Amino acid sequence: MPESRNSYMPSGRPSDPDTGSGLLRNWSPVLNPLGIIIVFFGLLMLVPLGVSWYQQDGATLSYDEALASTLATGILMWLMTRRFRRDLKPRDAFLLVALTWMVLPIFGALPLYFHIQDLSFTDAYFEATSGLTATGATALSGLDHLPLSLNFWRTFMHWIGGMGVIVLVVAILPLLGIGGRQIFKAETPTPMKDASLTPRIAETAKGLWMVYLLFTIACATALHLVGMDVWDSLMHAFSIMGLGGFSSKDASIGHYNSLDVEMVVMGFALLSGINYGTHFMALYQRSVKPYRHDRELPFYFGVLIASILLISLYLTPHAAYPDFIQTVRYVAFHSISLATSLGFATSDYTFWPMFAQIWILFLGSFIACSGSTGGGIKLMRAIILYKQVYRELARAIHPNAVLPVRLGDQQIPDHILHAVLGFSFIYMVTIVTLTLVLSASGVELVTAFSAVVACLNNTGPGLSGVGPASNYSVLSDFATWVCTFAMLLGRLEIFTLLVVMTPAFWRK
């Protein structure tokens, strides 16, 4: 008797006569929404394309080619997978978030790659990754002479990536029949991810973006009122609210040499470093109570004020600046800029004593509040770590005492404590490992360490060879890819990307 075509296969299922369809069926829950995200990202390119057309800056053709490539890829991906759509599972959400942040920079790099001669794809991808992850590390020079639309696109990517492309699209995906809660939980940078500001995830995303938009308009208006032209004020507002750091000037904010500009930058950087959930609730309730009840804010402002005063006092005997007032001015700006992971500079702080340099670089590791657009481990985790250390010290003195870790009136569950400890451990291991990799590739140690810390914290400028007076173009292609990987790790808070890279993730 001839063997049937649907005979038993080792997998326990009938064989799929169309292997390609089988692959599409397996990958469609991820590829289908990814195609939609790519199309949406391509449509966002219409904004800088319009700027280029209006300014007649010579970059229009580059945007045409980039836009066509992006839309064609996204639409083709969506069409090929739409008949296999199904609800996202938690594992699908992790993969979608990771792929989104790795794939979108490819398309974000295209306008730069098509227009700038002699720009390698490595540097173009690095620049786009830095833009979308709101890092602000740049491999480009001659920004003052770059077409306005390209500078606009660089800073616009900051604004898009600041709150997160996923959180933006999650408000639209439900309209297309794709739920967004799993994506939002994988993307939201806070130890307590289950808390929602509103009952529906789409409403939460819309609320956060409304606050983000209002602050951006206010920031651009304030910058224009203190002397920036319209385009510069808008581009720098994109960078500030995304806590990115790209500027349209090689000298960054130092180009303006204006105390008024610096005050506006510092004020809005501080606002953007605070949990946007707190801003949302304050505006929603029309009350300042949410700020008073935010347990991170006393630490946030306390550590910053103490750091500014201590570094200023430390620098005064070294005569870094003419007088104490000037010292406080420059220390305050760079402390707030690097601590919140903004990354703007007004002078070359690498001539400070090494202690002061390391301290402001270190601030960027933990100052930004959870739920903000900043980088680092987030202040909430740092507070929890501090309280856990204090509890262990108290236990050493009183072994039988019951000492729960509390944040205000709320007791922190053990699973959150373990998650924070695990995250902090892998954070330190990542810094050490990537620093050793860069150092082994020939990068000088201080440059290697500061580049890894700055990229992992999404801060931007580092020390020595990658300080504010230089940029990342000094690195080799290999070192540039290492820093790109560090930026992605930092933006995805390490675990989201590492989970996807584990063998267990791919097992059925």
Protein backbone atom coordinates (compact mmCIF):
# COMPACT_ATOMS: atom_id res chain seq x y z
CA MET A 1 0.00 0.00 0.00
CA PRO A 2 1.54 3.36 -1.00
CA GLU A 3 2.51 5.71 1.79
CA SER A 4 0.10 8.57 2.35
CA ARG A 5 1.23 12.15 1.82
CA ASN A 6 -0.03 12.94 5.32
CA SER A 7 1.89 10.15 6.99
CA TYR A 8 3.22 10.55 10.50
CA MET A 9 6.23 12.87 10.81
CA PRO A 10 8.80 12.92 13.65
CA SER A 11 7.39 16.23 14.90
CA GLY A 12 4.03 14.56 15.56
CA ARG A 13 2.23 16.81 13.04
CA PRO A 14 1.28 16.38 9.40
CA SER A 15 3.99 17.75 7.15
CA ASP A 16 3.45 21.21 5.77
CA PRO A 17 3.73 21.03 1.99
CA ASP A 18 4.65 24.72 1.93
CA THR A 19 7.73 25.24 4.09
CA GLY A 20 7.66 28.97 3.40
CA SER A 21 4.10 29.21 4.68
CA GLY A 22 5.13 27.29 7.79
CA LEU A 23 7.90 29.75 8.51
CA LEU A 24 5.59 32.70 7.91
CA ARG A 25 3.00 31.16 10.22
CA ASN A 26 5.59 30.80 13.00
CA TRP A 27 7.01 34.29 12.59
CA SER A 28 3.87 36.20 11.62
CA PRO A 29 2.91 37.33 15.18
CA VAL A 30 6.17 39.28 15.22
CA LEU A 31 6.74 40.14 11.56
CA ASN A 32 3.21 41.42 10.95
CA PRO A 33 3.26 44.17 13.62
CA LEU A 34 6.93 44.84 12.79
CA GLY A 35 5.88 45.55 9.21
CA ILE A 36 3.26 48.01 10.49
CA ILE A 37 5.85 49.70 12.71
CA ILE A 38 8.26 50.02 9.76
CA VAL A 39 5.51 51.56 7.61
CA PHE A 40 4.64 54.00 10.40
CA PHE A 41 8.32 54.86 10.82
CA GLY A 42 8.57 55.44 7.06
CA LEU A 43 5.61 57.80 7.18
CA LEU A 44 7.43 59.80 9.87
CA MET A 45 10.15 60.45 7.25
CA LEU A 46 7.62 62.64 5.46
CA VAL A 47 8.30 65.28 8.13
CA PRO A 48 12.03 65.79 7.36
CA LEU A 49 11.25 65.29 3.66
CA GLY A 50 8.87 68.25 3.90
CA VAL A 51 11.54 70.25 5.71
CA SER A 52 14.06 69.41 2.96
CA TRP A 53 11.61 70.38 0.23
CA TYR A 54 10.73 73.64 2.01
CA GLN A 55 14.36 74.56 2.67
CA GLN A 56 15.63 73.32 -0.71
CA ASP A 57 18.70 71.98 1.11
CA GLY A 58 19.64 69.36 -1.49
CA ALA A 59 18.71 66.28 0.55
CA THR A 60 15.25 65.67 -0.95
CA LEU A 61 16.35 62.83 -3.25
CA SER A 62 17.97 61.01 -0.31
CA TYR A 63 14.68 61.11 1.57
CA ASP A 64 12.76 59.93 -1.50
CA GLU A 65 14.99 56.87 -1.78
CA ALA A 66 14.92 56.19 1.97
CA LEU A 67 11.14 56.60 2.17
CA ALA A 68 10.52 54.30 -0.80
CA SER A 69 12.82 51.61 0.63
CA THR A 70 11.23 51.80 4.08
CA LEU A 71 7.61 51.74 2.93
CA ALA A 72 8.26 48.95 0.42
CA THR A 73 9.87 46.76 3.07
CA GLY A 74 7.17 47.36 5.66
CA ILE A 75 4.25 46.88 3.29
CA LEU A 76 5.74 43.70 1.81
CA MET A 77 6.34 42.29 5.30
CA TRP A 78 2.77 43.10 6.33
CA LEU A 79 1.20 41.63 3.18
CA MET A 80 3.17 38.39 3.44
CA THR A 81 2.15 37.76 7.05
CA ARG A 82 -1.35 39.24 7.43
CA ARG A 83 -3.19 35.93 6.85
CA PHE A 84 -1.22 34.28 9.70
CA ARG A 85 -1.85 36.94 12.34
CA ARG A 86 -2.63 35.90 15.90
CA ASP A 87 -2.46 37.46 19.36
CA LEU A 88 0.95 38.27 20.76
CA LYS A 89 2.32 36.01 23.46
CA PRO A 90 4.82 37.33 26.05
CA ARG A 91 7.72 35.73 24.15
CA ASP A 92 6.53 37.37 20.92
CA ALA A 93 6.47 40.76 22.64
CA PHE A 94 10.11 40.46 23.75
CA LEU A 95 11.19 39.53 20.23
CA LEU A 96 9.13 42.30 18.64
CA VAL A 97 10.59 44.97 20.93
CA ALA A 98 14.16 43.74 20.34
CA LEU A 99 13.72 43.51 16.57
CA THR A 100 12.10 46.94 16.42
CA TRP A 101 15.05 48.65 18.04
CA MET A 102 17.54 46.72 15.91
CA VAL A 103 15.72 47.10 12.58
CA LEU A 104 14.47 50.70 12.68
CA PRO A 105 18.01 52.19 12.80
CA ILE A 106 18.67 50.51 9.42
CA PHE A 107 15.95 52.64 7.86
CA GLY A 108 16.76 55.67 10.01
CA ALA A 109 20.31 55.56 8.70
CA LEU A 110 19.31 55.63 5.02
CA PRO A 111 18.88 59.43 4.56
CA LEU A 112 22.31 59.99 6.15
CA TYR A 113 23.93 57.15 4.20
CA PHE A 114 22.47 58.22 0.86
CA HIS A 115 23.39 61.90 1.25
CA ILE A 116 26.72 62.11 3.10
CA GLN A 117 29.62 61.05 0.93
CA ASP A 118 32.23 58.73 2.45
CA LEU A 119 29.91 57.89 5.36
CA SER A 120 30.19 54.17 6.05
CA PHE A 121 27.10 52.12 6.82
CA THR A 122 28.63 51.33 10.23
CA ASP A 123 28.73 55.02 11.16
CA ALA A 124 25.30 55.67 9.62
CA TYR A 125 23.74 52.82 11.61
CA PHE A 126 25.56 53.99 14.75
CA GLU A 127 24.18 57.52 14.25
CA ALA A 128 20.62 56.28 13.72
CA THR A 129 20.84 53.92 16.70
CA SER A 130 22.15 56.79 18.79
CA GLY A 131 19.22 58.89 17.61
CA LEU A 132 16.47 56.36 18.25
CA THR A 133 17.88 55.22 21.59
CA ALA A 134 18.18 58.91 22.60
CA THR A 135 21.89 58.47 23.33
CA GLY A 136 23.36 61.41 21.44
CA ALA A 137 26.75 59.86 20.71
CA THR A 138 27.74 61.02 17.24
CA ALA A 139 30.25 59.96 14.62
CA LEU A 140 29.59 63.03 12.45
CA SER A 141 31.44 66.33 12.30
CA GLY A 142 30.67 69.52 10.40
CA LEU A 143 27.13 69.62 11.78
CA ASP A 144 26.92 73.39 11.23
CA HIS A 145 27.18 72.75 7.46
CA LEU A 146 24.94 69.67 7.29
CA PRO A 147 21.62 70.18 5.44
CA LEU A 148 19.04 71.43 7.90
CA SER A 149 16.69 68.52 7.20
CA LEU A 150 19.37 65.96 8.15
CA ASN A 151 19.98 67.67 11.49
CA PHE A 152 16.21 67.83 11.88
CA TRP A 153 15.94 64.07 11.18
CA ARG A 154 18.71 63.26 13.68
CA THR A 155 17.00 65.18 16.48
CA PHE A 156 13.52 64.03 15.41
CA MET A 157 14.70 60.44 15.92
CA HIS A 158 15.55 61.48 19.49
CA TRP A 159 12.04 62.71 19.97
CA ILE A 160 10.53 59.53 18.50
CA GLY A 161 12.79 57.25 20.51
CA GLY A 162 12.65 59.26 23.72
CA MET A 163 9.32 57.90 24.87
CA GLY A 164 9.64 54.86 22.67
CA VAL A 165 8.40 53.98 19.22
CA ILE A 166 6.59 51.00 20.70
CA VAL A 167 4.61 53.09 23.17
CA LEU A 168 3.57 55.41 20.34
CA VAL A 169 2.49 52.61 18.02
CA VAL A 170 0.74 50.72 20.82
CA ALA A 171 -1.96 53.39 20.72
CA ILE A 172 -2.57 52.56 17.05
CA LEU A 173 -2.14 48.78 16.94
CA PRO A 174 -5.49 48.04 18.69
CA LEU A 175 -7.21 49.71 15.73
CA LEU A 176 -5.56 47.10 13.51
CA GLY A 177 -6.61 44.19 15.71
CA ILE A 178 -3.30 43.76 17.50
CA GLY A 179 -3.22 44.12 21.30
CA GLY A 180 -0.54 46.28 22.83
CA ARG A 181 -0.30 45.46 26.54
CA GLN A 182 2.41 42.84 26.13
CA ILE A 183 4.52 45.25 24.04
CA PHE A 184 4.07 48.07 26.54
CA LYS A 185 5.15 45.89 29.47
CA ALA A 186 8.25 44.75 27.59
CA GLU A 187 9.14 48.35 26.72
CA THR A 188 8.27 50.37 29.86
CA PRO A 189 11.48 51.16 31.80
CA THR A 190 10.50 50.71 35.45
CA PRO A 191 10.77 47.96 38.09
CA MET A 192 6.98 48.08 38.64
CA LYS A 193 5.71 47.48 35.12
CA ASP A 194 2.23 46.25 35.95
CA ALA A 195 0.95 49.62 37.12
CA SER A 196 -1.19 51.44 34.56
CA LEU A 197 -2.13 55.10 34.66
CA THR A 198 -5.45 54.43 32.94
CA PRO A 199 -7.44 51.21 32.55
CA ARG A 200 -6.65 50.82 28.84
CA ILE A 201 -3.10 50.63 27.58
CA ALA A 202 -3.84 52.73 24.49
CA GLU A 203 -5.20 55.51 26.68
CA THR A 204 -2.06 55.32 28.81
CA ALA A 205 0.18 55.67 25.75
CA LYS A 206 -1.88 58.57 24.40
CA GLY A 207 -1.78 60.32 27.77
CA LEU A 208 1.98 60.02 28.06
CA TRP A 209 2.49 61.30 24.54
CA MET A 210 0.18 64.25 25.14
CA VAL A 211 2.32 65.31 28.09
CA TYR A 212 5.45 64.73 26.00
CA LEU A 213 4.08 66.87 23.16
CA LEU A 214 3.02 69.72 25.46
CA PHE A 215 6.45 69.83 27.11
CA THR A 216 8.17 69.79 23.71
CA ILE A 217 6.13 72.77 22.50
CA ALA A 218 6.85 74.64 25.73
CA CYS A 219 10.58 73.87 25.48
CA ALA A 220 10.84 74.99 21.84
CA THR A 221 8.95 78.19 22.64
CA ALA A 222 11.19 78.97 25.62
CA LEU A 223 14.37 78.36 23.59
CA HIS A 224 13.10 80.65 20.84
CA LEU A 225 12.28 83.38 23.35
CA VAL A 226 15.84 83.32 24.75
CA GLY A 227 17.52 83.72 21.37
CA MET A 228 17.49 80.56 19.25
CA ASP A 229 16.01 80.71 15.77
CA VAL A 230 12.86 78.71 15.08
CA TRP A 231 14.54 75.66 13.56
CA ASP A 232 17.29 75.40 16.18
CA SER A 233 14.81 75.83 19.02
CA LEU A 234 12.65 73.01 17.63
CA MET A 235 15.58 70.64 17.00
CA HIS A 236 17.08 71.24 20.43
CA ALA A 237 13.65 70.79 22.03
CA PHE A 238 13.43 67.37 20.36
CA SER A 239 16.81 66.46 21.87
CA ILE A 240 16.05 67.85 25.32
CA MET A 241 12.67 66.19 25.78
CA GLY A 242 14.02 62.90 24.43
CA LEU A 243 17.10 63.39 26.66
CA GLY A 244 19.21 62.61 23.62
CA GLY A 245 21.92 65.17 22.99
CA PHE A 246 22.15 65.63 19.22
CA SER A 247 22.69 69.28 18.29
CA SER A 248 22.76 71.15 15.01
CA LYS A 249 26.07 72.70 16.13
CA ASP A 250 29.47 71.06 16.52
CA ALA A 251 29.98 73.07 19.72
CA SER A 252 26.61 71.87 21.09
CA ILE A 253 24.97 74.37 23.48
CA GLY A 254 28.37 76.03 23.92
CA HIS A 255 27.81 77.57 20.47
CA TYR A 256 25.31 80.03 21.97
CA ASN A 257 27.36 81.04 25.04
CA SER A 258 24.13 82.15 26.70
CA LEU A 259 23.18 81.70 30.34
CA ASP A 260 19.50 82.08 29.42
CA VAL A 261 19.72 79.20 26.93
CA GLU A 262 21.52 77.06 29.50
CA MET A 263 18.86 77.76 32.14
CA VAL A 264 16.07 76.70 29.77
CA VAL A 265 17.98 73.54 28.82
CA MET A 266 18.60 72.63 32.46
CA GLY A 267 14.98 73.30 33.45
CA PHE A 268 13.45 71.11 30.76
CA ALA A 269 16.12 68.42 31.17
CA LEU A 270 15.14 68.19 34.84
CA LEU A 271 11.47 67.93 33.86
CA SER A 272 12.19 65.20 31.32
CA GLY A 273 14.23 63.28 33.89
CA ILE A 274 11.11 62.91 36.08
CA ASN A 275 8.61 60.07 35.66
CA TYR A 276 6.17 61.03 32.90
CA GLY A 277 3.50 59.16 34.82
CA THR A 278 3.88 61.75 37.58
CA HIS A 279 3.56 64.59 35.05
CA PHE A 280 0.49 62.92 33.57
CA MET A 281 -1.24 62.53 36.93
CA ALA A 282 -0.37 66.11 37.94
CA LEU A 283 -1.92 67.50 34.76
CA TYR A 284 -4.86 65.10 34.91
CA GLN A 285 -5.64 66.01 38.54
CA ARG A 286 -4.60 69.66 38.09
CA SER A 287 -2.64 69.32 41.31
CA VAL A 288 0.98 69.19 42.54
CA LYS A 289 0.15 66.31 44.88
CA PRO A 290 1.56 63.66 42.53
CA TYR A 291 4.95 65.40 42.74
CA ARG A 292 4.81 65.43 46.53
CA HIS A 293 3.94 61.74 46.59
CA ASP A 294 6.66 60.71 44.10
CA ARG A 295 9.25 58.92 46.27
CA GLU A 296 12.02 59.42 43.73
CA LEU A 297 11.96 63.22 43.64
CA PRO A 298 13.63 63.96 47.02
CA PHE A 299 16.54 61.71 46.01
CA TYR A 300 16.52 63.12 42.46
CA PHE A 301 16.92 66.75 43.47
CA GLY A 302 18.91 66.00 46.63
CA VAL A 303 21.68 64.06 44.87
CA LEU A 304 21.88 66.61 42.04
CA ILE A 305 22.11 69.63 44.34
CA ALA A 306 24.69 67.93 46.57
CA SER A 307 26.76 66.87 43.53
CA ILE A 308 26.73 70.37 42.02
CA LEU A 309 27.87 71.97 45.30
CA LEU A 310 30.54 69.36 46.06
CA ILE A 311 32.04 69.36 42.55
CA SER A 312 32.02 73.17 42.46
CA LEU A 313 33.83 73.33 45.80
CA TYR A 314 36.27 70.67 44.60
CA LEU A 315 37.05 72.54 41.36
CA THR A 316 37.46 75.99 42.95
CA PRO A 317 41.05 75.43 44.24
CA HIS A 318 42.02 74.07 40.81
CA ALA A 319 41.07 77.40 39.17
CA ALA A 320 39.13 75.64 36.43
CA TYR A 321 37.04 78.79 35.94
CA PRO A 322 37.63 82.49 36.83
CA ASP A 323 35.37 82.54 39.90
CA PHE A 324 33.01 80.42 41.96
CA ILE A 325 29.88 81.68 40.18
CA GLN A 326 31.28 80.62 36.80
CA THR A 327 32.29 77.30 38.31
CA VAL A 328 28.76 76.66 39.60
CA ARG A 329 27.32 77.63 36.20
CA TYR A 330 29.36 75.11 34.22
CA VAL A 331 29.26 72.39 36.87
CA ALA A 332 25.47 72.68 37.19
CA PHE A 333 24.93 72.48 33.45
CA HIS A 334 27.17 69.46 32.89
CA SER A 335 26.00 67.67 36.05
CA ILE A 336 22.33 67.98 35.05
CA SER A 337 23.07 67.26 31.38
CA LEU A 338 25.01 64.06 32.02
CA ALA A 339 23.00 62.93 35.06
CA THR A 340 19.70 63.03 33.16
CA SER A 341 21.50 61.43 30.16
CA LEU A 342 20.86 64.51 27.98
CA GLY A 343 24.51 64.82 26.97
CA PHE A 344 24.71 68.47 25.88
CA ALA A 345 27.93 70.37 26.66
CA THR A 346 28.93 74.02 26.89
CA SER A 347 32.68 73.44 27.32
CA ASP A 348 35.23 70.65 27.42
CA TYR A 349 34.87 69.22 30.93
CA THR A 350 37.67 66.70 30.28
CA PHE A 351 40.17 69.29 31.53
CA TRP A 352 38.61 68.95 34.99
CA PRO A 353 40.41 66.72 37.52
CA MET A 354 39.59 63.06 36.87
CA PHE A 355 37.53 62.75 40.07
CA ALA A 356 35.05 65.38 38.85
CA GLN A 357 34.86 63.82 35.39
CA ILE A 358 34.16 60.35 36.75
CA TRP A 359 31.58 61.68 39.19
CA ILE A 360 29.41 63.42 36.55
CA LEU A 361 29.75 60.36 34.29
CA PHE A 362 28.69 58.18 37.23
CA LEU A 363 25.63 60.35 37.89
CA GLY A 364 24.22 59.27 34.53
CA SER A 365 24.11 55.70 35.78
CA PHE A 366 21.22 56.19 38.19
CA ILE A 367 19.76 59.72 38.44
CA ALA A 368 16.99 59.58 35.81
CA CYS A 369 13.66 58.54 37.34
CA SER A 370 11.81 55.43 36.27
CA GLY A 371 9.28 56.23 33.57
CA SER A 372 11.37 59.14 32.27
CA THR A 373 13.11 59.38 28.92
CA GLY A 374 16.51 59.10 30.62
CA GLY A 375 18.93 56.18 30.70
CA GLY A 376 20.88 54.27 33.33
CA ILE A 377 19.52 51.84 35.89
CA LYS A 378 16.89 54.42 36.97
CA LEU A 379 16.66 56.09 40.36
CA MET A 380 13.93 53.74 41.61
CA ARG A 381 16.29 50.78 41.34
CA ALA A 382 19.07 52.75 43.04
CA ILE A 383 16.76 53.61 45.95
CA ILE A 384 15.69 49.98 46.29
CA LEU A 385 19.34 48.88 46.24
CA TYR A 386 20.19 51.43 48.94
CA LYS A 387 17.33 50.23 51.15
CA GLN A 388 18.31 46.59 50.61
CA VAL A 389 21.92 47.32 51.61
CA TYR A 390 20.69 49.17 54.70
CA ARG A 391 18.46 46.20 55.60
CA GLU A 392 21.38 43.77 55.33
CA LEU A 393 23.47 45.99 57.62
CA ALA A 394 20.61 46.12 60.13
CA ARG A 395 20.23 42.34 59.93
CA ALA A 396 23.90 41.92 60.79
CA ILE A 397 23.22 43.79 64.04
CA HIS A 398 19.76 42.28 64.71
CA PRO A 399 19.71 38.81 63.06
CA ASN A 400 16.18 37.92 64.27
CA ALA A 401 14.51 41.20 63.35
CA VAL A 402 11.83 41.32 60.64
CA LEU A 403 12.91 44.20 58.42
CA PRO A 404 10.80 44.64 55.29
CA VAL A 405 12.04 46.99 52.58
CA ARG A 406 9.58 49.85 52.19
CA LEU A 407 9.13 52.65 49.73
CA GLY A 408 6.98 55.13 51.58
CA ASP A 409 4.02 53.14 52.91
CA GLN A 410 4.43 50.39 50.33
CA GLN A 411 6.33 47.21 51.10
CA ILE A 412 8.49 46.10 48.19
CA PRO A 413 7.82 42.43 47.28
CA ASP A 414 10.74 40.02 47.27
CA HIS A 415 10.38 39.29 43.57
CA ILE A 416 11.01 42.96 42.78
CA LEU A 417 14.02 43.00 45.11
CA HIS A 418 15.45 39.95 43.36
CA ALA A 419 14.77 41.47 39.92
CA VAL A 420 16.55 44.71 40.89
CA LEU A 421 19.54 42.83 42.32
CA GLY A 422 19.74 40.69 39.19
CA PHE A 423 19.51 43.72 36.92
CA SER A 424 22.20 45.58 38.86
CA PHE A 425 24.52 42.59 38.68
CA ILE A 426 24.14 42.14 34.92
CA TYR A 427 24.52 45.92 34.48
CA MET A 428 27.93 45.89 36.17
CA VAL A 429 28.99 42.72 34.36
CA THR A 430 28.04 44.33 31.03
CA ILE A 431 30.16 47.42 31.73
CA VAL A 432 33.20 45.33 32.70
CA THR A 433 32.82 42.91 29.78
CA LEU A 434 32.33 45.52 27.07
CA THR A 435 35.14 47.67 28.49
CA LEU A 436 37.49 44.70 28.28
CA VAL A 437 36.34 43.99 24.72
CA LEU A 438 36.99 47.59 23.64
CA SER A 439 40.31 47.67 25.45
CA ALA A 440 41.38 44.41 23.79
CA SER A 441 40.58 45.94 20.40
CA GLY A 442 43.15 48.68 21.03
CA VAL A 443 41.02 51.46 22.55
CA GLU A 444 42.71 53.38 25.38
CA LEU A 445 41.28 52.31 28.78
CA VAL A 446 39.63 55.58 29.90
CA THR A 447 38.12 56.03 26.44
CA ALA A 448 36.90 52.42 26.42
CA PHE A 449 35.37 52.58 29.91
CA SER A 450 33.68 55.94 29.42
CA ALA A 451 32.39 55.01 25.95
CA VAL A 452 30.74 51.86 27.35
CA VAL A 453 29.26 53.71 30.35
CA ALA A 454 28.03 56.60 28.18
CA CYS A 455 26.47 54.29 25.57
CA LEU A 456 24.95 51.85 28.07
CA ASN A 457 23.44 54.76 30.01
CA ASN A 458 22.38 56.45 26.73
CA THR A 459 24.27 59.56 27.83
CA GLY A 460 26.32 60.29 24.69
CA PRO A 461 29.66 61.95 25.36
CA GLY A 462 32.23 60.15 27.47
CA LEU A 463 35.77 61.04 28.52
CA SER A 464 39.17 61.27 26.87
CA GLY A 465 38.91 60.27 23.17
CA VAL A 466 35.10 60.36 23.15
CA GLY A 467 34.68 63.49 25.27
CA PRO A 468 32.66 66.58 24.28
CA ALA A 469 35.57 68.03 22.27
CA SER A 470 35.73 64.89 20.12
CA ASN A 471 33.28 62.23 18.93
CA TYR A 472 32.97 58.52 18.24
CA SER A 473 34.45 58.73 14.74
CA VAL A 474 37.85 58.04 16.36
CA LEU A 475 36.77 54.44 17.01
CA SER A 476 37.32 51.54 14.63
CA ASP A 477 34.36 49.83 12.97
CA PHE A 478 34.55 46.97 15.47
CA ALA A 479 34.57 49.36 18.46
CA THR A 480 31.69 51.31 16.90
CA TRP A 481 29.58 48.14 16.66
CA VAL A 482 30.38 47.33 20.31
CA CYS A 483 29.16 50.79 21.31
CA THR A 484 26.07 50.34 19.13
CA PHE A 485 25.30 47.09 20.94
CA ALA A 486 25.77 48.88 24.27
CA MET A 487 23.26 51.57 23.23
CA LEU A 488 20.67 48.94 22.31
CA LEU A 489 21.28 47.10 25.60
CA GLY A 490 20.82 50.34 27.53
CA ARG A 491 17.67 51.37 25.72
CA LEU A 492 16.10 47.93 26.19
CA GLU A 493 17.31 47.81 29.80
CA ILE A 494 19.58 44.86 29.08
CA PHE A 495 17.18 42.02 29.95
CA THR A 496 14.82 42.52 27.00
CA LEU A 497 17.67 41.97 24.55
CA LEU A 498 19.53 39.33 26.56
CA VAL A 499 16.37 37.25 26.97
CA VAL A 500 16.04 37.04 23.20
CA MET A 501 19.68 35.93 22.94
CA THR A 502 19.32 32.97 25.33
CA PRO A 503 18.91 29.43 23.89
CA ALA A 504 15.93 28.79 26.19
CA PHE A 505 14.00 31.58 24.47
CA TRP A 506 14.06 29.70 21.16
CA ARG A 507 13.00 26.34 22.57
CA LYS A 508 9.39 25.38 22.00
